[in-house]
Amino acid sequence: MMQPPVLRVWAFDGKPARKLRWTIFALPLGITFGLMPQLARGQPGCYESCQSLCSSRPYYVKEECVDNCARSCKQEPPKPYGAIAFGPTGAEAISWGKETQEEADGDALASCGKRGTNCKTVFRYQYTCAALAVATGTQHYEAATGYSEKDAEANATSRCQQKWGKCLTNLSACSARGAGRAYPPAPPKAISWGAIAYSTADMGAGWSMGKGDRPSAEKDAMNTCSQRGRACVVRAAFNKQCGALAADRDFAGSGVSTDQREAQRKAIDECTKAGGTRCVLHIAFCSF
């Protein structure tokens, strides 16, 4: 699974901390905003040029820098905050594009409360995309971020399935993606092998992802599967793709594709052709 972007977490919060940051870092901010008159305030390109200058500032002053660009260039500041709320009965909701984290939390909780009770904020994000994957039975879940909604969904599903088994995601959103991002995106891996091993005799399974070569991926998947099943075999191995496995009693099928949903469809089709009549997904993840 592709590593999600790093979220910024302030070490301090509240007005005193904000004043402290302005005091300590007045000089670099002064340098940035001192260049503002030369950027033709209010004219096309002003905001983009100013934001580019902000990208060179330390992460702890970047948010204020971007906000000041918006005000000086007469453009609305980004609204980067989002949140995910979840309830024990399966109620869920996501918010995005909010000016403050408190507003994002409140919106997600209010929407979740219309679908169930005892909702809680379970995930917060900003300047990126996020998704929630829920395990069968709605008792367990995992959230993750990504550079797009599709990436976030794949990351959340993979993380959930590693811990809880069969998981599905139908909740995702992006909030001011890329605006004032604290860190540049990590370069994609050139090689990221994954593998799936399965034992049809007792439904034992194992999988691996992000490995440097195929033998390592297959070995890791087999080691995990052997702890759960008696007759494990490698059913799929893939590099920078998605893999899936579906099974019905003694019948199983696997699928591989750059698209996660396509890999799942292939796995179910192969299981059905093998003789399964009620093939269901047991494993599905991406190794990017």
Foldseek 3Di string as FASTA:
>chain_A
DDAFDDFDDDPDDDDVVVVVVCVVCVVLLCVLCVCLVVLPAQDPPQLVVSLVSLLPDALVCSQVSSCVSCVRNVHHGFQWKKFKKADQVGQIFIAARHNDNVVRQVVRVVNSVVVHPPIDTDDMGTQWKKWKKAAPVRRDIFMATHRDQQRRQQVRQQVCCVPHWHIHTDYMDGYNHPRSDNDDDDDDDPWKKKWKKADLQQGQIFMDIGDPDQVVRQVRGVVRSVVPDDDIDIQDMDIQWKKWKKEDRNFIAMAIGNHQVRRLVRGQVRRVVRPHDDIDTGDIHGHD
